[in-house]
N, C-alpha and C. Protein backbone atom coordinates (compact mmCIF):
# COMPACT_ATOMS: atom_id res chain seq x y z
N MET A 1 88.09 120.85 91.90
CA MET A 1 87.69 119.50 92.24
C MET A 1 87.99 118.55 91.07
N LYS A 2 88.68 117.45 91.35
CA LYS A 2 89.09 116.53 90.31
C LYS A 2 87.89 115.72 89.81
N LYS A 3 87.80 115.62 88.48
CA LYS A 3 86.70 114.88 87.89
C LYS A 3 86.89 113.38 88.10
N VAL A 4 85.78 112.69 88.31
CA VAL A 4 85.81 111.24 88.44
C VAL A 4 86.11 110.63 87.07
N GLN A 5 87.11 109.73 87.02
CA GLN A 5 87.51 109.09 85.78
C GLN A 5 87.03 107.64 85.73
N LEU A 6 86.56 107.22 84.58
CA LEU A 6 86.11 105.85 84.37
C LEU A 6 87.01 105.17 83.36
N GLN A 7 87.32 103.91 83.61
CA GLN A 7 88.17 103.15 82.69
C GLN A 7 87.37 102.75 81.46
N ARG A 8 87.85 103.17 80.29
CA ARG A 8 87.18 102.82 79.03
C ARG A 8 87.97 101.78 78.24
N TYR A 9 89.29 101.92 78.26
CA TYR A 9 90.14 100.97 77.54
C TYR A 9 91.35 100.61 78.39
N SER A 10 91.72 99.35 78.37
CA SER A 10 92.91 98.91 79.09
C SER A 10 94.15 99.24 78.27
N GLY A 11 95.31 99.10 78.90
CA GLY A 11 96.56 99.36 78.19
C GLY A 11 96.74 98.42 77.01
N ALA A 12 96.38 97.15 77.17
CA ALA A 12 96.50 96.18 76.08
C ALA A 12 95.58 96.54 74.92
N GLN A 13 94.37 96.99 75.22
CA GLN A 13 93.42 97.36 74.17
C GLN A 13 93.92 98.58 73.40
N ARG A 14 94.48 99.54 74.12
CA ARG A 14 95.00 100.74 73.45
C ARG A 14 96.20 100.40 72.58
N SER A 15 97.08 99.55 73.08
CA SER A 15 98.26 99.14 72.30
C SER A 15 97.84 98.41 71.03
N ASN A 16 96.85 97.54 71.17
CA ASN A 16 96.32 96.81 70.02
C ASN A 16 95.75 97.77 68.99
N HIS A 17 94.98 98.74 69.45
CA HIS A 17 94.37 99.72 68.55
C HIS A 17 95.42 100.49 67.76
N TRP A 18 96.45 101.00 68.45
CA TRP A 18 97.46 101.80 67.77
C TRP A 18 98.36 100.96 66.88
N ALA A 19 98.52 99.67 67.20
CA ALA A 19 99.26 98.78 66.31
C ALA A 19 98.49 98.57 65.01
N VAL A 20 97.16 98.43 65.12
CA VAL A 20 96.32 98.32 63.92
C VAL A 20 96.43 99.59 63.09
N VAL A 21 96.41 100.75 63.74
CA VAL A 21 96.55 102.03 63.04
C VAL A 21 97.87 102.09 62.29
N ALA A 22 98.97 101.69 62.95
CA ALA A 22 100.28 101.73 62.31
C ALA A 22 100.33 100.82 61.09
N CYS A 23 99.77 99.62 61.21
CA CYS A 23 99.74 98.70 60.08
C CYS A 23 98.86 99.24 58.95
N PHE A 24 97.74 99.87 59.32
CA PHE A 24 96.86 100.45 58.31
C PHE A 24 97.58 101.53 57.51
N VAL A 25 98.30 102.41 58.19
CA VAL A 25 99.01 103.49 57.51
C VAL A 25 100.07 102.92 56.57
N CYS A 26 100.86 101.96 57.06
CA CYS A 26 101.93 101.38 56.25
C CYS A 26 101.36 100.56 55.08
N ALA A 27 100.32 99.78 55.35
CA ALA A 27 99.70 99.00 54.27
C ALA A 27 99.03 99.94 53.26
N GLY A 28 98.47 101.04 53.75
CA GLY A 28 97.84 102.01 52.86
C GLY A 28 98.85 102.67 51.94
N ILE A 29 100.00 103.06 52.49
CA ILE A 29 101.04 103.71 51.69
C ILE A 29 101.54 102.76 50.60
N THR A 30 101.86 101.53 50.98
CA THR A 30 102.36 100.57 49.99
C THR A 30 101.26 100.17 49.01
N GLY A 31 100.03 100.07 49.48
CA GLY A 31 98.93 99.72 48.60
C GLY A 31 98.64 100.79 47.57
N PHE A 32 98.63 102.05 48.00
CA PHE A 32 98.41 103.15 47.06
C PHE A 32 99.53 103.22 46.03
N ALA A 33 100.76 102.94 46.46
CA ALA A 33 101.90 102.96 45.54
C ALA A 33 101.74 101.94 44.43
N LEU A 34 101.14 100.79 44.77
CA LEU A 34 100.94 99.73 43.78
C LEU A 34 99.66 99.92 42.98
N PHE A 35 98.76 100.77 43.46
CA PHE A 35 97.44 100.90 42.85
C PHE A 35 97.46 101.68 41.54
N HIS A 36 98.22 102.77 41.50
CA HIS A 36 98.18 103.65 40.33
C HIS A 36 99.56 104.29 40.10
N PRO A 37 99.99 104.43 38.84
CA PRO A 37 101.30 105.03 38.56
C PRO A 37 101.48 106.42 39.16
N ALA A 38 100.38 107.18 39.25
CA ALA A 38 100.48 108.54 39.80
C ALA A 38 100.87 108.53 41.28
N LEU A 39 100.65 107.40 41.94
CA LEU A 39 100.97 107.29 43.35
C LEU A 39 102.22 106.44 43.61
N PHE A 40 102.90 106.08 42.52
CA PHE A 40 104.05 105.19 42.66
C PHE A 40 105.18 105.81 43.47
N TRP A 41 105.22 107.14 43.54
CA TRP A 41 106.27 107.82 44.31
C TRP A 41 106.23 107.44 45.78
N LEU A 42 105.07 106.97 46.24
CA LEU A 42 104.95 106.56 47.64
C LEU A 42 105.84 105.34 47.96
N SER A 43 106.22 104.60 46.91
CA SER A 43 107.07 103.43 47.13
C SER A 43 108.41 103.81 47.75
N SER A 44 108.84 105.06 47.53
CA SER A 44 110.12 105.50 48.11
C SER A 44 110.05 105.52 49.64
N LEU A 45 108.85 105.65 50.20
CA LEU A 45 108.69 105.65 51.65
C LEU A 45 108.86 104.26 52.24
N ALA A 46 108.74 103.23 51.39
CA ALA A 46 108.87 101.84 51.85
C ALA A 46 110.20 101.22 51.45
N GLY A 47 111.11 102.04 50.90
CA GLY A 47 112.42 101.53 50.52
C GLY A 47 112.56 101.18 49.06
N GLY A 48 111.57 101.56 48.24
CA GLY A 48 111.65 101.30 46.81
C GLY A 48 110.58 100.33 46.34
N PRO A 49 110.48 100.16 45.01
CA PRO A 49 109.43 99.32 44.43
C PRO A 49 109.43 97.88 44.91
N GLN A 50 110.61 97.25 44.98
CA GLN A 50 110.67 95.86 45.39
C GLN A 50 110.20 95.66 46.83
N TRP A 51 110.68 96.51 47.72
CA TRP A 51 110.27 96.40 49.12
C TRP A 51 108.78 96.70 49.27
N THR A 52 108.28 97.61 48.47
CA THR A 52 106.84 97.92 48.52
C THR A 52 106.03 96.68 48.16
N ARG A 53 106.43 96.01 47.08
CA ARG A 53 105.72 94.81 46.62
C ARG A 53 105.83 93.69 47.65
N ILE A 54 107.00 93.56 48.28
CA ILE A 54 107.20 92.50 49.26
C ILE A 54 106.45 92.78 50.56
N LEU A 55 106.53 94.02 51.04
CA LEU A 55 105.99 94.36 52.36
C LEU A 55 104.47 94.44 52.39
N HIS A 56 103.86 94.89 51.31
CA HIS A 56 102.41 95.17 51.36
C HIS A 56 101.58 93.98 51.84
N PRO A 57 101.73 92.78 51.28
CA PRO A 57 100.89 91.68 51.76
C PRO A 57 101.16 91.29 53.21
N TYR A 58 102.42 91.38 53.63
CA TYR A 58 102.72 91.05 55.02
C TYR A 58 102.13 92.08 55.99
N LEU A 59 102.17 93.34 55.58
CA LEU A 59 101.55 94.38 56.40
C LEU A 59 100.04 94.16 56.48
N GLY A 60 99.44 93.75 55.37
CA GLY A 60 98.00 93.48 55.35
C GLY A 60 97.64 92.34 56.28
N ILE A 61 98.44 91.27 56.27
CA ILE A 61 98.17 90.14 57.14
C ILE A 61 98.35 90.54 58.60
N ALA A 62 99.39 91.32 58.89
CA ALA A 62 99.63 91.78 60.26
C ALA A 62 98.45 92.62 60.74
N MET A 63 97.93 93.50 59.87
CA MET A 63 96.78 94.33 60.24
C MET A 63 95.56 93.46 60.52
N PHE A 64 95.34 92.45 59.67
CA PHE A 64 94.19 91.57 59.87
C PHE A 64 94.29 90.82 61.19
N LEU A 65 95.45 90.26 61.49
CA LEU A 65 95.63 89.49 62.72
C LEU A 65 95.48 90.37 63.96
N LEU A 66 96.02 91.57 63.90
CA LEU A 66 95.88 92.50 65.03
C LEU A 66 94.42 92.92 65.20
N PHE A 67 93.74 93.15 64.07
CA PHE A 67 92.32 93.52 64.15
C PHE A 67 91.50 92.35 64.67
N LEU A 68 91.94 91.12 64.37
CA LEU A 68 91.23 89.95 64.85
C LEU A 68 91.19 89.93 66.38
N VAL A 69 92.29 90.34 67.00
CA VAL A 69 92.32 90.46 68.46
C VAL A 69 91.31 91.51 68.90
N MET A 70 91.30 92.63 68.19
CA MET A 70 90.36 93.70 68.51
C MET A 70 88.91 93.23 68.30
N PHE A 71 88.70 92.44 67.25
CA PHE A 71 87.35 91.96 66.96
C PHE A 71 86.81 91.12 68.13
N PHE A 72 87.59 90.15 68.59
CA PHE A 72 87.12 89.29 69.66
C PHE A 72 87.01 90.04 71.00
N THR A 73 87.76 91.14 71.11
CA THR A 73 87.68 91.96 72.32
C THR A 73 86.40 92.79 72.35
N PHE A 74 86.03 93.35 71.21
CA PHE A 74 84.94 94.34 71.18
C PHE A 74 83.67 93.87 70.47
N ALA A 75 83.66 92.67 69.91
CA ALA A 75 82.49 92.23 69.16
C ALA A 75 81.23 92.21 70.02
N GLY A 76 81.36 91.78 71.27
CA GLY A 76 80.20 91.71 72.15
C GLY A 76 79.56 93.07 72.38
N ALA A 77 80.38 94.10 72.47
CA ALA A 77 79.86 95.45 72.69
C ALA A 77 79.31 96.07 71.43
N ASN A 78 79.54 95.41 70.27
CA ASN A 78 79.08 95.95 68.99
C ASN A 78 77.92 95.17 68.39
N VAL A 79 77.33 94.28 69.18
CA VAL A 79 76.12 93.59 68.73
C VAL A 79 74.97 94.60 68.62
N TRP A 80 74.23 94.52 67.54
CA TRP A 80 73.15 95.48 67.29
C TRP A 80 71.98 95.22 68.23
N ARG A 81 71.48 96.27 68.86
CA ARG A 81 70.37 96.17 69.79
C ARG A 81 69.26 97.16 69.40
N LYS A 82 68.10 97.00 70.02
CA LYS A 82 66.96 97.83 69.62
C LYS A 82 67.22 99.31 69.85
N GLU A 83 68.00 99.64 70.89
CA GLU A 83 68.29 101.05 71.13
C GLU A 83 69.17 101.65 70.04
N ASP A 84 69.92 100.78 69.34
CA ASP A 84 70.76 101.28 68.24
C ASP A 84 69.90 101.72 67.06
N SER A 85 68.83 101.01 66.80
CA SER A 85 67.93 101.41 65.71
C SER A 85 67.30 102.77 66.02
N ALA A 86 66.93 102.97 67.29
CA ALA A 86 66.36 104.25 67.69
C ALA A 86 67.41 105.36 67.57
N TRP A 87 68.65 105.05 67.96
CA TRP A 87 69.72 106.05 67.87
C TRP A 87 69.97 106.43 66.41
N LEU A 88 70.03 105.42 65.55
CA LEU A 88 70.30 105.68 64.14
C LEU A 88 69.20 106.50 63.51
N GLY A 89 67.95 106.25 63.91
CA GLY A 89 66.84 107.02 63.38
C GLY A 89 66.87 108.47 63.79
N SER A 90 67.57 108.77 64.88
CA SER A 90 67.66 110.15 65.38
C SER A 90 69.04 110.76 65.15
N ALA A 91 69.89 110.08 64.36
CA ALA A 91 71.27 110.53 64.18
C ALA A 91 71.37 111.93 63.59
N GLY A 92 70.36 112.32 62.79
CA GLY A 92 70.38 113.65 62.19
C GLY A 92 70.38 114.77 63.22
N LYS A 93 69.88 114.47 64.41
CA LYS A 93 69.83 115.49 65.46
C LYS A 93 71.22 115.86 65.98
N LEU A 94 72.21 114.99 65.73
CA LEU A 94 73.57 115.30 66.16
C LEU A 94 74.09 116.55 65.49
N VAL A 95 73.72 116.73 64.22
CA VAL A 95 74.18 117.90 63.47
C VAL A 95 73.52 119.17 63.99
N SER A 96 72.24 119.07 64.32
CA SER A 96 71.50 120.25 64.78
C SER A 96 71.63 120.49 66.27
N GLY A 97 72.33 119.57 66.95
CA GLY A 97 72.52 119.74 68.39
C GLY A 97 71.38 119.20 69.23
N GLY A 98 70.50 118.41 68.62
CA GLY A 98 69.37 117.85 69.34
C GLY A 98 69.76 116.65 70.19
N GLN A 99 68.80 116.13 70.92
CA GLN A 99 69.03 115.00 71.81
C GLN A 99 68.76 113.69 71.08
N VAL A 100 69.70 112.76 71.20
CA VAL A 100 69.53 111.43 70.60
C VAL A 100 69.32 110.41 71.71
N PRO A 101 68.73 109.25 71.41
CA PRO A 101 68.51 108.23 72.44
C PRO A 101 69.81 107.79 73.10
N ALA A 102 69.71 107.30 74.32
CA ALA A 102 70.88 106.85 75.07
C ALA A 102 71.57 105.69 74.35
N ALA A 103 72.91 105.68 74.42
CA ALA A 103 73.69 104.64 73.76
C ALA A 103 74.48 103.84 74.79
N GLY A 104 74.85 102.62 74.41
CA GLY A 104 75.70 101.80 75.25
C GLY A 104 77.15 102.22 75.09
N LYS A 105 78.08 101.31 75.26
CA LYS A 105 79.49 101.67 75.14
C LYS A 105 79.79 102.24 73.76
N TYR A 106 79.08 101.73 72.75
CA TYR A 106 79.23 102.25 71.39
C TYR A 106 77.86 102.57 70.83
N ASN A 107 77.76 103.71 70.14
CA ASN A 107 76.48 104.06 69.53
C ASN A 107 76.35 103.34 68.18
N ALA A 108 75.21 103.52 67.54
CA ALA A 108 74.93 102.80 66.30
C ALA A 108 75.93 103.13 65.21
N GLY A 109 76.34 104.40 65.12
CA GLY A 109 77.32 104.79 64.11
C GLY A 109 78.65 104.09 64.31
N GLN A 110 79.10 104.01 65.54
CA GLN A 110 80.35 103.33 65.84
C GLN A 110 80.25 101.84 65.53
N LYS A 111 79.11 101.26 65.80
CA LYS A 111 78.91 99.83 65.52
C LYS A 111 78.94 99.56 64.02
N LEU A 112 78.30 100.44 63.24
CA LEU A 112 78.33 100.27 61.79
C LEU A 112 79.75 100.32 61.27
N VAL A 113 80.53 101.27 61.77
CA VAL A 113 81.93 101.39 61.35
C VAL A 113 82.71 100.13 61.72
N PHE A 114 82.47 99.61 62.90
CA PHE A 114 83.15 98.39 63.36
C PHE A 114 82.89 97.23 62.39
N TRP A 115 81.64 97.05 61.98
CA TRP A 115 81.31 95.93 61.11
C TRP A 115 81.77 96.17 59.68
N VAL A 116 81.82 97.43 59.25
CA VAL A 116 82.40 97.75 57.94
C VAL A 116 83.89 97.41 57.95
N PHE A 117 84.59 97.77 59.04
CA PHE A 117 85.99 97.38 59.19
C PHE A 117 86.14 95.87 59.05
N THR A 118 85.32 95.14 59.78
CA THR A 118 85.42 93.68 59.80
C THR A 118 85.22 93.08 58.42
N LEU A 119 84.15 93.45 57.75
CA LEU A 119 83.85 92.89 56.43
C LEU A 119 84.90 93.29 55.40
N SER A 120 85.34 94.54 55.45
CA SER A 120 86.35 95.02 54.50
C SER A 120 87.65 94.25 54.65
N LEU A 121 88.07 94.03 55.88
CA LEU A 121 89.33 93.33 56.12
C LEU A 121 89.25 91.86 55.72
N ILE A 122 88.09 91.25 55.89
CA ILE A 122 87.92 89.86 55.45
C ILE A 122 88.05 89.78 53.92
N VAL A 123 87.39 90.69 53.22
CA VAL A 123 87.48 90.72 51.76
C VAL A 123 88.90 90.99 51.31
N LEU A 124 89.56 91.94 51.96
CA LEU A 124 90.95 92.26 51.61
C LEU A 124 91.87 91.06 51.81
N LEU A 125 91.69 90.33 52.90
CA LEU A 125 92.53 89.16 53.16
C LEU A 125 92.31 88.08 52.10
N VAL A 126 91.05 87.71 51.87
CA VAL A 126 90.75 86.61 50.94
C VAL A 126 91.20 86.96 49.52
N THR A 127 90.86 88.15 49.07
CA THR A 127 91.22 88.54 47.70
C THR A 127 92.73 88.73 47.57
N GLY A 128 93.35 89.33 48.58
CA GLY A 128 94.79 89.55 48.51
C GLY A 128 95.58 88.25 48.43
N LEU A 129 95.16 87.27 49.19
CA LEU A 129 95.84 85.97 49.15
C LEU A 129 95.71 85.32 47.77
N SER A 130 94.57 85.53 47.12
CA SER A 130 94.32 84.85 45.85
C SER A 130 95.22 85.34 44.72
N PHE A 131 95.75 86.58 44.80
CA PHE A 131 96.67 87.02 43.74
C PHE A 131 98.06 87.38 44.29
N TRP A 132 98.40 86.80 45.44
CA TRP A 132 99.73 86.99 46.02
C TRP A 132 100.71 86.11 45.23
N GLN A 133 101.49 86.74 44.37
CA GLN A 133 102.32 86.01 43.42
C GLN A 133 103.33 85.09 44.10
N ALA A 134 103.86 85.51 45.23
CA ALA A 134 104.91 84.72 45.88
C ALA A 134 104.42 83.40 46.44
N TRP A 135 103.11 83.28 46.72
CA TRP A 135 102.63 82.10 47.41
C TRP A 135 101.45 81.39 46.76
N PHE A 136 100.40 82.11 46.43
CA PHE A 136 99.15 81.45 46.09
C PHE A 136 98.66 81.66 44.66
N ALA A 137 99.12 82.70 43.99
CA ALA A 137 98.55 83.05 42.69
C ALA A 137 98.70 81.95 41.65
N GLY A 138 99.75 81.14 41.76
CA GLY A 138 99.98 80.09 40.77
C GLY A 138 98.88 79.05 40.71
N SER A 139 98.14 78.90 41.81
CA SER A 139 97.08 77.88 41.84
C SER A 139 95.69 78.48 41.67
N VAL A 140 95.61 79.77 41.41
CA VAL A 140 94.32 80.45 41.25
C VAL A 140 94.15 80.85 39.79
N PRO A 141 93.03 80.51 39.14
CA PRO A 141 92.80 80.89 37.74
C PRO A 141 92.91 82.40 37.54
N ILE A 142 93.46 82.79 36.40
CA ILE A 142 93.69 84.21 36.13
C ILE A 142 92.39 85.02 36.14
N GLY A 143 91.30 84.41 35.71
CA GLY A 143 90.02 85.12 35.75
C GLY A 143 89.58 85.43 37.16
N VAL A 144 89.80 84.49 38.06
CA VAL A 144 89.46 84.70 39.47
C VAL A 144 90.36 85.79 40.06
N GLN A 145 91.63 85.78 39.66
CA GLN A 145 92.56 86.81 40.16
C GLN A 145 92.12 88.20 39.74
N ARG A 146 91.65 88.33 38.52
CA ARG A 146 91.22 89.65 38.03
C ARG A 146 90.02 90.16 38.82
N ILE A 147 89.09 89.27 39.09
CA ILE A 147 87.94 89.67 39.91
C ILE A 147 88.39 90.02 41.33
N ALA A 148 89.35 89.24 41.85
CA ALA A 148 89.86 89.48 43.20
C ALA A 148 90.55 90.83 43.30
N VAL A 149 91.28 91.20 42.25
CA VAL A 149 91.96 92.51 42.25
C VAL A 149 90.93 93.64 42.33
N LEU A 150 89.84 93.49 41.56
CA LEU A 150 88.79 94.51 41.58
C LEU A 150 88.13 94.59 42.96
N LEU A 151 87.79 93.44 43.53
CA LEU A 151 87.16 93.42 44.85
C LEU A 151 88.11 93.94 45.92
N HIS A 152 89.38 93.66 45.76
CA HIS A 152 90.39 94.14 46.70
C HIS A 152 90.43 95.67 46.71
N ALA A 153 90.40 96.25 45.53
CA ALA A 153 90.43 97.71 45.42
C ALA A 153 89.18 98.33 46.01
N ILE A 154 88.02 97.72 45.74
CA ILE A 154 86.76 98.24 46.28
C ILE A 154 86.75 98.17 47.80
N ALA A 155 87.17 97.02 48.35
CA ALA A 155 87.21 96.85 49.80
C ALA A 155 88.18 97.85 50.44
N ALA A 156 89.32 98.08 49.78
CA ALA A 156 90.29 99.05 50.31
C ALA A 156 89.69 100.45 50.31
N PHE A 157 88.97 100.80 49.25
CA PHE A 157 88.33 102.12 49.17
C PHE A 157 87.31 102.29 50.29
N VAL A 158 86.48 101.26 50.50
CA VAL A 158 85.48 101.31 51.57
C VAL A 158 86.15 101.42 52.94
N LEU A 159 87.22 100.66 53.13
CA LEU A 159 87.94 100.70 54.41
C LEU A 159 88.52 102.08 54.68
N VAL A 160 89.13 102.69 53.67
CA VAL A 160 89.70 104.03 53.84
C VAL A 160 88.61 105.03 54.19
N LEU A 161 87.46 104.96 53.52
CA LEU A 161 86.35 105.87 53.83
C LEU A 161 85.88 105.66 55.27
N ALA A 162 85.78 104.40 55.70
CA ALA A 162 85.35 104.11 57.07
C ALA A 162 86.34 104.64 58.09
N VAL A 163 87.63 104.54 57.78
CA VAL A 163 88.66 105.06 58.69
C VAL A 163 88.56 106.58 58.78
N ILE A 164 88.30 107.23 57.66
CA ILE A 164 88.16 108.70 57.66
C ILE A 164 86.96 109.09 58.53
N VAL A 165 85.84 108.40 58.37
CA VAL A 165 84.65 108.68 59.20
C VAL A 165 84.98 108.44 60.67
N HIS A 166 85.65 107.33 60.95
CA HIS A 166 86.01 106.98 62.32
C HIS A 166 86.91 108.06 62.95
N ALA A 167 87.93 108.48 62.20
CA ALA A 167 88.87 109.48 62.71
C ALA A 167 88.18 110.83 62.90
N TYR A 168 87.34 111.21 61.93
CA TYR A 168 86.63 112.49 62.03
C TYR A 168 85.72 112.51 63.25
N ALA A 169 84.98 111.42 63.45
CA ALA A 169 84.06 111.34 64.59
C ALA A 169 84.82 111.39 65.91
N ALA A 170 85.99 110.73 65.94
CA ALA A 170 86.79 110.72 67.17
C ALA A 170 87.30 112.13 67.51
N ILE A 171 87.66 112.87 66.47
CA ILE A 171 88.14 114.25 66.70
C ILE A 171 86.97 115.16 67.03
N TRP A 172 85.83 114.94 66.38
CA TRP A 172 84.65 115.79 66.58
C TRP A 172 84.11 115.66 68.00
N VAL A 173 84.08 114.44 68.52
CA VAL A 173 83.58 114.22 69.88
C VAL A 173 84.75 114.44 70.85
N LYS A 174 84.78 115.56 71.48
CA LYS A 174 85.87 115.90 72.39
C LYS A 174 85.98 114.85 73.51
N GLY A 175 87.18 114.34 73.68
CA GLY A 175 87.42 113.34 74.71
C GLY A 175 87.56 111.93 74.18
N ALA A 176 87.11 111.71 72.93
CA ALA A 176 87.16 110.36 72.37
C ALA A 176 88.60 109.93 72.09
N VAL A 177 89.39 110.82 71.52
CA VAL A 177 90.80 110.50 71.25
C VAL A 177 91.55 110.30 72.56
N GLY A 178 91.27 111.14 73.53
CA GLY A 178 91.91 111.02 74.84
C GLY A 178 91.64 109.68 75.49
N ALA A 179 90.45 109.13 75.24
CA ALA A 179 90.10 107.83 75.81
C ALA A 179 91.00 106.73 75.28
N MET A 180 91.39 106.84 73.99
CA MET A 180 92.26 105.83 73.41
C MET A 180 93.73 106.12 73.68
N VAL A 181 94.03 107.29 74.20
CA VAL A 181 95.40 107.62 74.58
C VAL A 181 95.64 107.32 76.06
N ARG A 182 94.75 107.81 76.91
CA ARG A 182 94.92 107.63 78.36
C ARG A 182 94.18 106.40 78.89
N GLY A 183 93.10 106.02 78.20
CA GLY A 183 92.32 104.86 78.63
C GLY A 183 91.13 105.21 79.50
N THR A 184 91.01 106.47 79.90
CA THR A 184 89.92 106.87 80.79
C THR A 184 89.11 108.02 80.21
N VAL A 185 87.89 108.17 80.70
CA VAL A 185 87.03 109.29 80.36
C VAL A 185 86.40 109.79 81.66
N SER A 186 85.95 111.01 81.64
CA SER A 186 85.29 111.54 82.83
C SER A 186 83.90 110.92 82.95
N ALA A 187 83.39 110.89 84.17
CA ALA A 187 82.04 110.36 84.39
C ALA A 187 81.01 111.20 83.63
N GLY A 188 81.25 112.51 83.57
CA GLY A 188 80.34 113.39 82.85
C GLY A 188 80.32 113.08 81.35
N TRP A 189 81.50 112.80 80.80
CA TRP A 189 81.59 112.45 79.38
C TRP A 189 80.83 111.16 79.10
N ALA A 190 81.04 110.16 79.94
CA ALA A 190 80.37 108.87 79.76
C ALA A 190 78.86 109.03 79.87
N LYS A 191 78.41 109.81 80.83
CA LYS A 191 76.98 110.01 81.04
C LYS A 191 76.34 110.73 79.86
N HIS A 192 77.09 111.68 79.27
CA HIS A 192 76.56 112.48 78.17
C HIS A 192 76.52 111.70 76.87
N HIS A 193 77.59 110.97 76.56
CA HIS A 193 77.70 110.31 75.26
C HIS A 193 77.26 108.85 75.26
N HIS A 194 77.40 108.17 76.38
CA HIS A 194 77.10 106.73 76.43
C HIS A 194 76.41 106.40 77.75
N LEU A 195 75.21 106.91 77.87
CA LEU A 195 74.48 106.84 79.13
C LEU A 195 74.24 105.39 79.59
N LEU A 196 73.88 104.52 78.69
CA LEU A 196 73.60 103.13 79.08
C LEU A 196 74.87 102.45 79.61
N TRP A 197 76.00 102.73 78.99
CA TRP A 197 77.28 102.19 79.46
C TRP A 197 77.63 102.78 80.83
N TYR A 198 77.37 104.06 81.00
CA TYR A 198 77.62 104.72 82.28
C TYR A 198 76.80 104.06 83.38
N ARG A 199 75.56 103.75 83.08
CA ARG A 199 74.69 103.11 84.08
C ARG A 199 75.19 101.71 84.42
N GLU A 200 75.69 100.98 83.42
CA GLU A 200 76.24 99.66 83.68
C GLU A 200 77.41 99.74 84.66
N LEU A 201 78.25 100.74 84.45
CA LEU A 201 79.42 100.90 85.32
C LEU A 201 79.02 101.32 86.74
N THR A 202 78.15 102.29 86.82
CA THR A 202 77.82 102.85 88.13
C THR A 202 76.87 101.96 88.93
N GLN A 203 76.15 101.07 88.25
CA GLN A 203 75.25 100.16 88.94
C GLN A 203 75.89 98.82 89.25
N GLY A 204 77.18 98.73 88.97
CA GLY A 204 77.93 97.54 89.36
C GLY A 204 77.85 96.37 88.42
N ARG A 205 77.15 96.51 87.28
CA ARG A 205 77.11 95.41 86.33
C ARG A 205 78.36 95.45 85.46
N PRO A 206 78.92 94.30 85.10
CA PRO A 206 80.13 94.30 84.27
C PRO A 206 79.82 94.84 82.88
N PRO A 207 80.50 95.91 82.45
CA PRO A 207 80.25 96.48 81.11
C PRO A 207 80.73 95.54 80.02
N LYS A 208 80.12 95.63 78.84
CA LYS A 208 80.50 94.80 77.70
C LYS A 208 81.78 95.34 77.09
N ALA A 209 82.84 94.52 77.09
CA ALA A 209 84.15 94.89 76.54
C ALA A 209 84.64 96.18 77.15
């Protein structure tokens, strides 16, 4: 008997997500190459040192703009609600296999990651522009640029950690990666992992994002 499938992501949403992933990987490679001499060999993947220096800021801007589309698409579903506080308080039960409170389309952990992504990318954009030599650095005091470089590195570190958590959780929860590849999940999966969202769908109310 064929399982009932529910639409979780549209084709446009999935394309947007994977475009952000591609920009993140490319910006990460070029960024790491510029960050430390021990990682400078990564510049060969971008066509050499000059192309690495040229491409990195443009890749960062492309990632920010693509994520901006994602932000306005999913921000409504990531607003913090009282059930999220209850879920977060019981998150430890996930490790022991216990029952956690029902979640909407996104649970509290996913929402936290979403907002970490958002804040990190805003910091990366603002700080990166301030020491972008080709365009803006000439009008920014050198002291401000030095602080911006430090904040840029910290925000990048936080973003990478958040992406690792996001990727690990997606792999750990069977069916999550498939949802972003095919766009659908089984009704059983939705009921088990996101009961409140499942109820919104099955009771005819328009789901958030």
